[in-house]
């Protein structure tokens, strides 16, 4: 970590699955979270999709990735790829 990252404080990081890598240097990541139902107190799985910047086009559809929050990079991109945790089996490398 550099000094500038230390001064910014802790950034939000989430673990998700790449659902689309068809754009250049952009991936769509689906993130699941559990929320408690207000009446029944049962946990429900909710999902969100985030656009993330992938500078080297290294993440492919189906990969598990970690993304972190960053400044606005475009109209819809507010996240950046931190690292690829695991590649989907059977994915073809180009």
PDB file of N, CA and C in Angstrom:
ATOM      1  N   UNK A   1       0.825  -1.183   0.000  1.00  0.00           N
ATOM      2  CA  UNK A   1       0.000   0.000   0.000  1.00  0.00           C
ATOM      3  C   UNK A   1       0.869   1.246   0.000  1.00  0.00           C
ATOM      4  N   UNK A   2       0.432   2.248  -0.754  1.00  0.00           N
ATOM      5  CA  UNK A   2       1.173   3.495  -0.785  1.00  0.00           C
ATOM      6  C   UNK A   2       0.622   4.457   0.256  1.00  0.00           C
ATOM      7  N   UNK A   3       1.313   5.556   0.437  1.00  0.00           N
ATOM      8  CA  UNK A   3       0.862   6.544   1.419  1.00  0.00           C
ATOM      9  C   UNK A   3      -0.485   7.141   1.066  1.00  0.00           C
ATOM     10  N   UNK A   4      -0.745   7.356  -0.218  1.00  0.00           N
ATOM     11  CA  UNK A   4      -2.023   7.954  -0.601  1.00  0.00           C
ATOM     12  C   UNK A   4      -3.185   7.033  -0.252  1.00  0.00           C
ATOM     13  N   UNK A   5      -3.010   5.721  -0.386  1.00  0.00           N
ATOM     14  CA  UNK A   5      -4.083   4.789  -0.023  1.00  0.00           C
ATOM     15  C   UNK A   5      -4.301   4.776   1.478  1.00  0.00           C
ATOM     16  N   UNK A   6      -3.233   4.931   2.262  1.00  0.00           N
ATOM     17  CA  UNK A   6      -3.379   4.962   3.715  1.00  0.00           C
ATOM     18  C   UNK A   6      -4.160   6.185   4.170  1.00  0.00           C
ATOM     19  N   UNK A   7      -3.972   7.312   3.506  1.00  0.00           N
ATOM     20  CA  UNK A   7      -4.641   8.539   3.902  1.00  0.00           C
ATOM     21  C   UNK A   7      -6.113   8.560   3.539  1.00  0.00           C
ATOM     22  N   UNK A   8      -6.519   7.744   2.585  1.00  0.00           N
ATOM     23  CA  UNK A   8      -7.909   7.737   2.146  1.00  0.00           C
ATOM     24  C   UNK A   8      -8.830   7.026   3.113  1.00  0.00           C
ATOM     25  N   UNK A   9      -8.295   6.198   3.972  1.00  0.00           N
ATOM     26  CA  UNK A   9      -9.141   5.426   4.866  1.00  0.00           C
ATOM     27  C   UNK A   9      -9.512   4.100   4.239  1.00  0.00           C
ATOM     28  N   UNK A  10     -10.356   3.369   4.911  1.00  0.00           N
ATOM     29  CA  UNK A  10     -10.745   2.043   4.449  1.00  0.00           C
ATOM     30  C   UNK A  10     -11.795   2.161   3.354  1.00  0.00           C
ATOM     31  N   UNK A  11     -11.567   1.456   2.251  1.00  0.00           N
ATOM     32  CA  UNK A  11     -12.519   1.462   1.151  1.00  0.00           C
ATOM     33  C   UNK A  11     -13.402   0.228   1.221  1.00  0.00           C
ATOM     34  N   UNK A  12     -14.633   0.364   0.761  1.00  0.00           N
ATOM     35  CA  UNK A  12     -15.534  -0.782   0.736  1.00  0.00           C
ATOM     36  C   UNK A  12     -15.049  -1.800  -0.276  1.00  0.00           C
ATOM     37  N   UNK A  13     -14.963  -3.048   0.146  1.00  0.00           N
ATOM     38  CA  UNK A  13     -14.612  -4.153  -0.740  1.00  0.00           C
ATOM     39  C   UNK A  13     -15.725  -5.179  -0.675  1.00  0.00           C
ATOM     40  N   UNK A  14     -16.069  -5.746  -1.828  1.00  0.00           N
ATOM     41  CA  UNK A  14     -17.090  -6.789  -1.863  1.00  0.00           C
ATOM     42  C   UNK A  14     -16.613  -7.932  -2.741  1.00  0.00           C
ATOM     43  N   UNK A  15     -17.127  -9.124  -2.450  1.00  0.00           N
ATOM     44  CA  UNK A  15     -16.824 -10.327  -3.217  1.00  0.00           C
ATOM     45  C   UNK A  15     -18.032 -10.643  -4.077  1.00  0.00           C
ATOM     46  N   UNK A  16     -17.799 -10.896  -5.369  1.00  0.00           N
ATOM     47  CA  UNK A  16     -18.916 -11.176  -6.259  1.00  0.00           C
ATOM     48  C   UNK A  16     -18.509 -12.053  -7.420  1.00  0.00           C
ATOM     49  N   UNK A  17     -19.455 -12.295  -8.301  1.00  0.00           N
ATOM     50  CA  UNK A  17     -19.255 -13.134  -9.474  1.00  0.00           C
ATOM     51  C   UNK A  17     -19.434 -12.290 -10.729  1.00  0.00           C
ATOM     52  N   UNK A  18     -18.531 -12.452 -11.677  1.00  0.00           N
ATOM     53  CA  UNK A  18     -18.626 -11.719 -12.938  1.00  0.00           C
ATOM     54  C   UNK A  18     -19.743 -12.332 -13.772  1.00  0.00           C
ATOM     55  N   UNK A  19     -20.712 -11.507 -14.167  1.00  0.00           N
ATOM     56  CA  UNK A  19     -21.811 -12.005 -14.985  1.00  0.00           C
ATOM     57  C   UNK A  19     -21.674 -11.564 -16.435  1.00  0.00           C
ATOM     58  N   UNK A  20     -20.847 -10.527 -16.690  1.00  0.00           N
ATOM     59  CA  UNK A  20     -20.632 -10.075 -18.058  1.00  0.00           C
ATOM     60  C   UNK A  20     -19.247  -9.461 -18.187  1.00  0.00           C
ATOM     61  N   UNK A  21     -18.559  -9.822 -19.284  1.00  0.00           N
ATOM     62  CA  UNK A  21     -17.252  -9.215 -19.564  1.00  0.00           C
ATOM     63  C   UNK A  21     -17.193  -8.774 -21.028  1.00  0.00           C
ATOM     64  N   UNK A  22     -18.330  -8.450 -21.609  1.00  0.00           N
ATOM     65  CA  UNK A  22     -18.407  -8.152 -23.033  1.00  0.00           C
ATOM     66  C   UNK A  22     -17.950  -6.737 -23.382  1.00  0.00           C
ATOM     67  N   UNK A  23     -17.880  -5.851 -22.389  1.00  0.00           N
ATOM     68  CA  UNK A  23     -17.432  -4.489 -22.642  1.00  0.00           C
ATOM     69  C   UNK A  23     -15.915  -4.410 -22.515  1.00  0.00           C
ATOM     70  N   UNK A  24     -15.316  -3.423 -23.150  1.00  0.00           N
ATOM     71  CA  UNK A  24     -13.871  -3.243 -23.082  1.00  0.00           C
ATOM     72  C   UNK A  24     -13.503  -2.580 -21.756  1.00  0.00           C
ATOM     73  N   UNK A  25     -12.663  -3.244 -20.973  1.00  0.00           N
ATOM     74  CA  UNK A  25     -12.158  -2.750 -19.690  1.00  0.00           C
ATOM     75  C   UNK A  25     -13.262  -2.547 -18.648  1.00  0.00           C
ATOM     76  N   UNK A  26     -14.398  -3.212 -18.831  1.00  0.00           N
ATOM     77  CA  UNK A  26     -15.507  -3.117 -17.882  1.00  0.00           C
ATOM     78  C   UNK A  26     -16.099  -4.497 -17.667  1.00  0.00           C
ATOM     79  N   UNK A  27     -16.386  -4.810 -16.408  1.00  0.00           N
ATOM     80  CA  UNK A  27     -17.077  -6.059 -16.081  1.00  0.00           C
ATOM     81  C   UNK A  27     -18.314  -5.734 -15.256  1.00  0.00           C
ATOM     82  N   UNK A  28     -19.299  -6.604 -15.323  1.00  0.00           N
ATOM     83  CA  UNK A  28     -20.479  -6.488 -14.476  1.00  0.00           C
ATOM     84  C   UNK A  28     -20.381  -7.570 -13.420  1.00  0.00           C
ATOM     85  N   UNK A  29     -20.454  -7.159 -12.153  1.00  0.00           N
ATOM     86  CA  UNK A  29     -20.275  -8.076 -11.033  1.00  0.00           C
ATOM     87  C   UNK A  29     -21.565  -8.137 -10.228  1.00  0.00           C
ATOM     88  N   UNK A  30     -22.030  -9.365  -9.969  1.00  0.00           N
ATOM     89  CA  UNK A  30     -23.223  -9.556  -9.153  1.00  0.00           C
ATOM     90  C   UNK A  30     -22.795  -9.909  -7.734  1.00  0.00           C
ATOM     91  N   UNK A  31     -23.344  -9.155  -6.773  1.00  0.00           N
ATOM     92  CA  UNK A  31     -22.987  -9.321  -5.363  1.00  0.00           C
ATOM     93  C   UNK A  31     -24.255  -9.674  -4.587  1.00  0.00           C
ATOM     94  N   UNK A  32     -24.166 -10.703  -3.763  1.00  0.00           N
ATOM     95  CA  UNK A  32     -25.295 -11.101  -2.931  1.00  0.00           C
ATOM     96  C   UNK A  32     -25.075 -10.669  -1.495  1.00  0.00           C
ATOM     97  N   UNK A  33     -26.173 -10.327  -0.816  1.00  0.00           N
ATOM     98  CA  UNK A  33     -26.124 -10.005   0.606  1.00  0.00           C
ATOM     99  C   UNK A  33     -27.383 -10.565   1.243  1.00  0.00           C
ATOM    100  N   UNK A  34     -27.329 -10.780   2.543  1.00  0.00           N
ATOM    101  CA  UNK A  34     -28.494 -11.290   3.256  1.00  0.00           C
ATOM    102  C   UNK A  34     -29.092 -10.187   4.104  1.00  0.00           C
ATOM    103  N   UNK A  35     -30.411 -10.015   3.983  1.00  0.00           N
ATOM    104  CA  UNK A  35     -31.132  -9.019   4.774  1.00  0.00           C
ATOM    105  C   UNK A  35     -32.255  -9.725   5.520  1.00  0.00           C
ATOM    106  N   UNK A  36     -32.559  -9.221   6.678  1.00  0.00           N
ATOM    107  CA  UNK A  36     -33.613  -9.809   7.498  1.00  0.00           C
ATOM    108  C   UNK A  36     -34.972  -9.247   7.087  1.00  0.00           C
ATOM    109  N   UNK A  37     -35.948 -10.135   6.889  1.00  0.00           N
ATOM    110  CA  UNK A  37     -37.296  -9.707   6.541  1.00  0.00           C
ATOM    111  C   UNK A  37     -37.901  -8.966   7.728  1.00  0.00           C
ATOM    112  N   UNK A  38     -38.519  -7.803   7.484  1.00  0.00           N
ATOM    113  CA  UNK A  38     -39.011  -7.002   8.617  1.00  0.00           C
ATOM    114  C   UNK A  38     -40.095  -7.685   9.462  1.00  0.00           C
ATOM    115  N   UNK A  39     -40.952  -8.468   8.836  1.00  0.00           N
ATOM    116  CA  UNK A  39     -42.030  -9.096   9.590  1.00  0.00           C
ATOM    117  C   UNK A  39     -41.671 -10.507  10.061  1.00  0.00           C
ATOM    118  N   UNK A  40     -41.120 -11.317   9.169  1.00  0.00           N
ATOM    119  CA  UNK A  40     -40.913 -12.730   9.471  1.00  0.00           C
ATOM    120  C   UNK A  40     -39.528 -13.044  10.028  1.00  0.00           C
ATOM    121  N   UNK A  41     -38.641 -12.060  10.062  1.00  0.00           N
ATOM    122  CA  UNK A  41     -37.298 -12.210  10.622  1.00  0.00           C
ATOM    123  C   UNK A  41     -36.487 -13.328   9.978  1.00  0.00           C
ATOM    124  N   UNK A  42     -36.863 -13.695   8.777  1.00  0.00           N
ATOM    125  CA  UNK A  42     -36.107 -14.701   8.043  1.00  0.00           C
ATOM    126  C   UNK A  42     -35.124 -13.972   7.123  1.00  0.00           C
ATOM    127  N   UNK A  43     -33.946 -14.540   6.949  1.00  0.00           N
ATOM    128  CA  UNK A  43     -32.957 -13.910   6.086  1.00  0.00           C
ATOM    129  C   UNK A  43     -33.271 -14.204   4.627  1.00  0.00           C
ATOM    130  N   UNK A  44     -33.220 -13.155   3.818  1.00  0.00           N
ATOM    131  CA  UNK A  44     -33.511 -13.241   2.397  1.00  0.00           C
ATOM    132  C   UNK A  44     -32.256 -12.834   1.634  1.00  0.00           C
ATOM    133  N   UNK A  45     -31.990 -13.502   0.524  1.00  0.00           N
ATOM    134  CA  UNK A  45     -30.829 -13.170  -0.295  1.00  0.00           C
ATOM    135  C   UNK A  45     -31.210 -12.104  -1.322  1.00  0.00           C
ATOM    136  N   UNK A  46     -30.521 -10.993  -1.293  1.00  0.00           N
ATOM    137  CA  UNK A  46     -30.731  -9.903  -2.247  1.00  0.00           C
ATOM    138  C   UNK A  46     -29.471  -9.749  -3.089  1.00  0.00           C
ATOM    139  N   UNK A  47     -29.635  -9.322  -4.332  1.00  0.00           N
ATOM    140  CA  UNK A  47     -28.469  -9.161  -5.191  1.00  0.00           C
ATOM    141  C   UNK A  47     -28.398  -7.747  -5.742  1.00  0.00           C
ATOM    142  N   UNK A  48     -27.183  -7.327  -6.057  1.00  0.00           N
ATOM    143  CA  UNK A  48     -26.937  -6.046  -6.707  1.00  0.00           C
ATOM    144  C   UNK A  48     -25.918  -6.276  -7.804  1.00  0.00           C
ATOM    145  N   UNK A  49     -26.032  -5.509  -8.881  1.00  0.00           N
ATOM    146  CA  UNK A  49     -25.061  -5.602  -9.971  1.00  0.00           C
ATOM    147  C   UNK A  49     -24.286  -4.296 -10.030  1.00  0.00           C
ATOM    148  N   UNK A  50     -22.970  -4.418 -10.089  1.00  0.00           N
ATOM    149  CA  UNK A  50     -22.100  -3.261 -10.164  1.00  0.00           C
ATOM    150  C   UNK A  50     -21.241  -3.347 -11.414  1.00  0.00           C
ATOM    151  N   UNK A  51     -21.009  -2.214 -12.058  1.00  0.00           N
ATOM    152  CA  UNK A  51     -20.041  -2.138 -13.149  1.00  0.00           C
ATOM    153  C   UNK A  51     -18.687  -1.812 -12.522  1.00  0.00           C
ATOM    154  N   UNK A  52     -17.654  -2.537 -12.915  1.00  0.00           N
ATOM    155  CA  UNK A  52     -16.322  -2.343 -12.357  1.00  0.00           C
ATOM    156  C   UNK A  52     -15.301  -2.202 -13.467  1.00  0.00           C
ATOM    157  N   UNK A  53     -14.279  -1.405 -13.210  1.00  0.00           N
ATOM    158  CA  UNK A  53     -13.213  -1.172 -14.179  1.00  0.00           C
ATOM    159  C   UNK A  53     -12.194  -2.305 -14.102  1.00  0.00           C
ATOM    160  N   UNK A  54     -11.906  -2.920 -15.243  1.00  0.00           N
ATOM    161  CA  UNK A  54     -10.939  -4.013 -15.344  1.00  0.00           C
ATOM    162  C   UNK A  54      -9.903  -3.609 -16.387  1.00  0.00           C
ATOM    163  N   UNK A  55      -8.831  -2.968 -15.945  1.00  0.00           N
ATOM    164  CA  UNK A  55      -7.845  -2.359 -16.841  1.00  0.00           C
ATOM    165  C   UNK A  55      -7.235  -3.348 -17.828  1.00  0.00           C
ATOM    166  N   UNK A  56      -6.921  -4.570 -17.382  1.00  0.00           N
ATOM    167  CA  UNK A  56      -6.226  -5.538 -18.225  1.00  0.00           C
ATOM    168  C   UNK A  56      -7.156  -6.569 -18.864  1.00  0.00           C
ATOM    169  N   UNK A  57      -8.452  -6.412 -18.703  1.00  0.00           N
ATOM    170  CA  UNK A  57      -9.435  -7.378 -19.221  1.00  0.00           C
ATOM    171  C   UNK A  57      -9.113  -8.794 -18.766  1.00  0.00           C
ATOM    172  N   UNK A  58      -8.749  -8.963 -17.489  1.00  0.00           N
ATOM    173  CA  UNK A  58      -8.343 -10.281 -16.996  1.00  0.00           C
ATOM    174  C   UNK A  58      -9.485 -11.114 -16.447  1.00  0.00           C
ATOM    175  N   UNK A  59     -10.576 -10.505 -16.013  1.00  0.00           N
ATOM    176  CA  UNK A  59     -11.698 -11.255 -15.448  1.00  0.00           C
ATOM    177  C   UNK A  59     -12.639 -11.702 -16.565  1.00  0.00           C
ATOM    178  N   UNK A  60     -13.103 -12.935 -16.465  1.00  0.00           N
ATOM    179  CA  UNK A  60     -14.035 -13.500 -17.436  1.00  0.00           C
ATOM    180  C   UNK A  60     -15.336 -13.862 -16.736  1.00  0.00           C
ATOM    181  N   UNK A  61     -16.385 -14.080 -17.498  1.00  0.00           N
ATOM    182  CA  UNK A  61     -17.690 -14.426 -16.944  1.00  0.00           C
ATOM    183  C   UNK A  61     -17.580 -15.688 -16.092  1.00  0.00           C
ATOM    184  N   UNK A  62     -18.152 -15.650 -14.901  1.00  0.00           N
ATOM    185  CA  UNK A  62     -18.129 -16.793 -13.994  1.00  0.00           C
ATOM    186  C   UNK A  62     -17.039 -16.720 -12.950  1.00  0.00           C
ATOM    187  N   UNK A  63     -16.072 -15.818 -13.091  1.00  0.00           N
ATOM    188  CA  UNK A  63     -14.976 -15.699 -12.128  1.00  0.00           C
ATOM    189  C   UNK A  63     -15.455 -15.069 -10.824  1.00  0.00           C
ATOM    190  N   UNK A  64     -14.858 -15.495  -9.723  1.00  0.00           N
ATOM    191  CA  UNK A  64     -15.074 -14.860  -8.421  1.00  0.00           C
ATOM    192  C   UNK A  64     -14.049 -13.745  -8.299  1.00  0.00           C
ATOM    193  N   UNK A  65     -14.509 -12.524  -7.993  1.00  0.00           N
ATOM    194  CA  UNK A  65     -13.611 -11.379  -7.933  1.00  0.00           C
ATOM    195  C   UNK A  65     -13.883 -10.531  -6.696  1.00  0.00           C
ATOM    196  N   UNK A  66     -12.879  -9.731  -6.340  1.00  0.00           N
ATOM    197  CA  UNK A  66     -13.021  -8.723  -5.287  1.00  0.00           C
ATOM    198  C   UNK A  66     -12.947  -7.373  -5.971  1.00  0.00           C
ATOM    199  N   UNK A  67     -13.944  -6.507  -5.692  1.00  0.00           N
ATOM    200  CA  UNK A  67     -13.931  -5.153  -6.239  1.00  0.00           C
ATOM    201  C   UNK A  67     -13.967  -4.160  -5.087  1.00  0.00           C
ATOM    202  N   UNK A  68     -13.446  -2.960  -5.329  1.00  0.00           N
ATOM    203  CA  UNK A  68     -13.485  -1.939  -4.288  1.00  0.00           C
ATOM    204  C   UNK A  68     -14.029  -0.640  -4.872  1.00  0.00           C
ATOM    205  N   UNK A  69     -14.612   0.168  -3.972  1.00  0.00           N
ATOM    206  CA  UNK A  69     -15.228   1.419  -4.363  1.00  0.00           C
ATOM    207  C   UNK A  69     -14.151   2.433  -4.746  1.00  0.00           C
ATOM    208  N   UNK A  70     -14.465   3.255  -5.727  1.00  0.00           N
ATOM    209  CA  UNK A  70     -13.520   4.266  -6.182  1.00  0.00           C
ATOM    210  C   UNK A  70     -14.303   5.481  -6.666  1.00  0.00           C
ATOM    211  N   UNK A  71     -13.587   6.466  -7.179  1.00  0.00           N
ATOM    212  CA  UNK A  71     -14.248   7.663  -7.711  1.00  0.00           C
ATOM    213  C   UNK A  71     -15.051   7.284  -8.961  1.00  0.00           C
ATOM    214  N   UNK A  72     -15.912   8.168  -9.388  1.00  0.00           N
ATOM    215  CA  UNK A  72     -16.718   7.910 -10.577  1.00  0.00           C
ATOM    216  C   UNK A  72     -15.827   7.858 -11.807  1.00  0.00           C
ATOM    217  N   UNK A  73     -15.865   6.730 -12.524  1.00  0.00           N
ATOM    218  CA  UNK A  73     -15.064   6.567 -13.726  1.00  0.00           C
ATOM    219  C   UNK A  73     -15.884   6.805 -14.991  1.00  0.00           C
ATOM    220  N   UNK A  74     -17.188   6.642 -14.892  1.00  0.00           N
ATOM    221  CA  UNK A  74     -18.106   6.928 -15.993  1.00  0.00           C
ATOM    222  C   UNK A  74     -19.492   7.100 -15.378  1.00  0.00           C
ATOM    223  N   UNK A  75     -20.510   7.123 -16.209  1.00  0.00           N
ATOM    224  CA  UNK A  75     -21.868   7.316 -15.696  1.00  0.00           C
ATOM    225  C   UNK A  75     -22.270   6.225 -14.712  1.00  0.00           C
ATOM    226  N   UNK A  76     -21.867   4.984 -14.988  1.00  0.00           N
ATOM    227  CA  UNK A  76     -22.313   3.882 -14.142  1.00  0.00           C
ATOM    228  C   UNK A  76     -21.184   3.154 -13.416  1.00  0.00           C
ATOM    229  N   UNK A  77     -19.917   3.443 -13.743  1.00  0.00           N
ATOM    230  CA  UNK A  77     -18.796   2.737 -13.102  1.00  0.00           C
ATOM    231  C   UNK A  77     -18.322   3.476 -11.872  1.00  0.00           C
ATOM    232  N   UNK A  78     -18.462   2.806 -10.697  1.00  0.00           N
ATOM    233  CA  UNK A  78     -18.020   3.372  -9.426  1.00  0.00           C
ATOM    234  C   UNK A  78     -17.130   2.394  -8.665  1.00  0.00           C
ATOM    235  N   UNK A  79     -16.762   1.284  -9.291  1.00  0.00           N
ATOM    236  CA  UNK A  79     -15.977   0.235  -8.653  1.00  0.00           C
ATOM    237  C   UNK A  79     -14.785  -0.111  -9.533  1.00  0.00           C
ATOM    238  N   UNK A  80     -13.776  -0.717  -8.927  1.00  0.00           N
ATOM    239  CA  UNK A  80     -12.569  -1.125  -9.640  1.00  0.00           C
ATOM    240  C   UNK A  80     -12.211  -2.545  -9.213  1.00  0.00           C
ATOM    241  N   UNK A  81     -11.688  -3.325 -10.139  1.00  0.00           N
ATOM    242  CA  UNK A  81     -11.296  -4.707  -9.850  1.00  0.00           C
ATOM    243  C   UNK A  81     -10.052  -4.719  -8.968  1.00  0.00           C
ATOM    244  N   UNK A  82     -10.120  -5.423  -7.831  1.00  0.00           N
ATOM    245  CA  UNK A  82      -8.966  -5.558  -6.949  1.00  0.00           C
ATOM    246  C   UNK A  82      -8.172  -6.802  -7.322  1.00  0.00           C
ATOM    247  N   UNK A  83      -8.867  -7.961  -7.377  1.00  0.00           N
ATOM    248  CA  UNK A  83      -8.183  -9.191  -7.771  1.00  0.00           C
ATOM    249  C   UNK A  83      -9.195 -10.254  -8.161  1.00  0.00           C
ATOM    250  N   UNK A  84      -8.712 -11.198  -8.949  1.00  0.00           N
ATOM    251  CA  UNK A  84      -9.526 -12.351  -9.344  1.00  0.00           C
ATOM    252  C   UNK A  84      -9.223 -13.468  -8.352  1.00  0.00           C
ATOM    253  N   UNK A  85     -10.248 -13.952  -7.654  1.00  0.00           N
ATOM    254  CA  UNK A  85     -10.072 -14.997  -6.641  1.00  0.00           C
ATOM    255  C   UNK A  85      -9.939 -16.363  -7.306  1.00  0.00           C
ATOM    256  N   UNK A  86     -10.885 -16.696  -8.176  1.00  0.00           N
ATOM    257  CA  UNK A  86     -10.823 -17.994  -8.855  1.00  0.00           C
ATOM    258  C   UNK A  86     -11.460 -17.884 -10.234  1.00  0.00           C
ATOM    259  N   UNK A  87     -10.896 -18.623 -11.170  1.00  0.00           N
ATOM    260  CA  UNK A  87     -11.443 -18.656 -12.527  1.00  0.00           C
ATOM    261  C   UNK A  87     -12.456 -19.777 -12.631  1.00  0.00           C
ATOM    262  N   UNK A  88     -13.464 -19.568 -13.467  1.00  0.00           N
ATOM    263  CA  UNK A  88     -14.463 -20.617 -13.676  1.00  0.00           C
ATOM    264  C   UNK A  88     -13.812 -21.761 -14.434  1.00  0.00           C
ATOM    265  N   UNK A  89     -14.104 -22.975 -14.012  1.00  0.00           N
ATOM    266  CA  UNK A  89     -13.570 -24.146 -14.701  1.00  0.00           C
ATOM    267  C   UNK A  89     -14.223 -24.281 -16.052  1.00  0.00           C
ATOM    268  N   UNK A  90     -13.421 -24.628 -17.044  1.00  0.00           N
ATOM    269  CA  UNK A  90     -13.942 -24.794 -18.398  1.00  0.00           C
ATOM    270  C   UNK A  90     -13.945 -23.512 -19.199  1.00  0.00           C
ATOM    271  N   UNK A  91     -13.525 -22.393 -18.607  1.00  0.00           N
ATOM    272  CA  UNK A  91     -13.464 -21.137 -19.354  1.00  0.00           C
ATOM    273  C   UNK A  91     -12.299 -21.188 -20.326  1.00  0.00           C
ATOM    274  N   UNK A  92     -12.508 -20.691 -21.515  1.00  0.00           N
ATOM    275  CA  UNK A  92     -11.467 -20.743 -22.541  1.00  0.00           C
ATOM    276  C   UNK A  92     -10.663 -19.450 -22.489  1.00  0.00           C
ATOM    277  N   UNK A  93      -9.344 -19.586 -22.335  1.00  0.00           N
ATOM    278  CA  UNK A  93      -8.461 -18.416 -22.344  1.00  0.00           C
ATOM    279  C   UNK A  93      -8.198 -18.006 -23.790  1.00  0.00           C
ATOM    280  N   UNK A  94      -8.269 -16.704 -24.044  1.00  0.00           N
ATOM    281  CA  UNK A  94      -8.066 -16.212 -25.406  1.00  0.00           C
ATOM    282  C   UNK A  94      -6.696 -15.618 -25.555  1.00  0.00           C
TER     283      UNK A  94
END
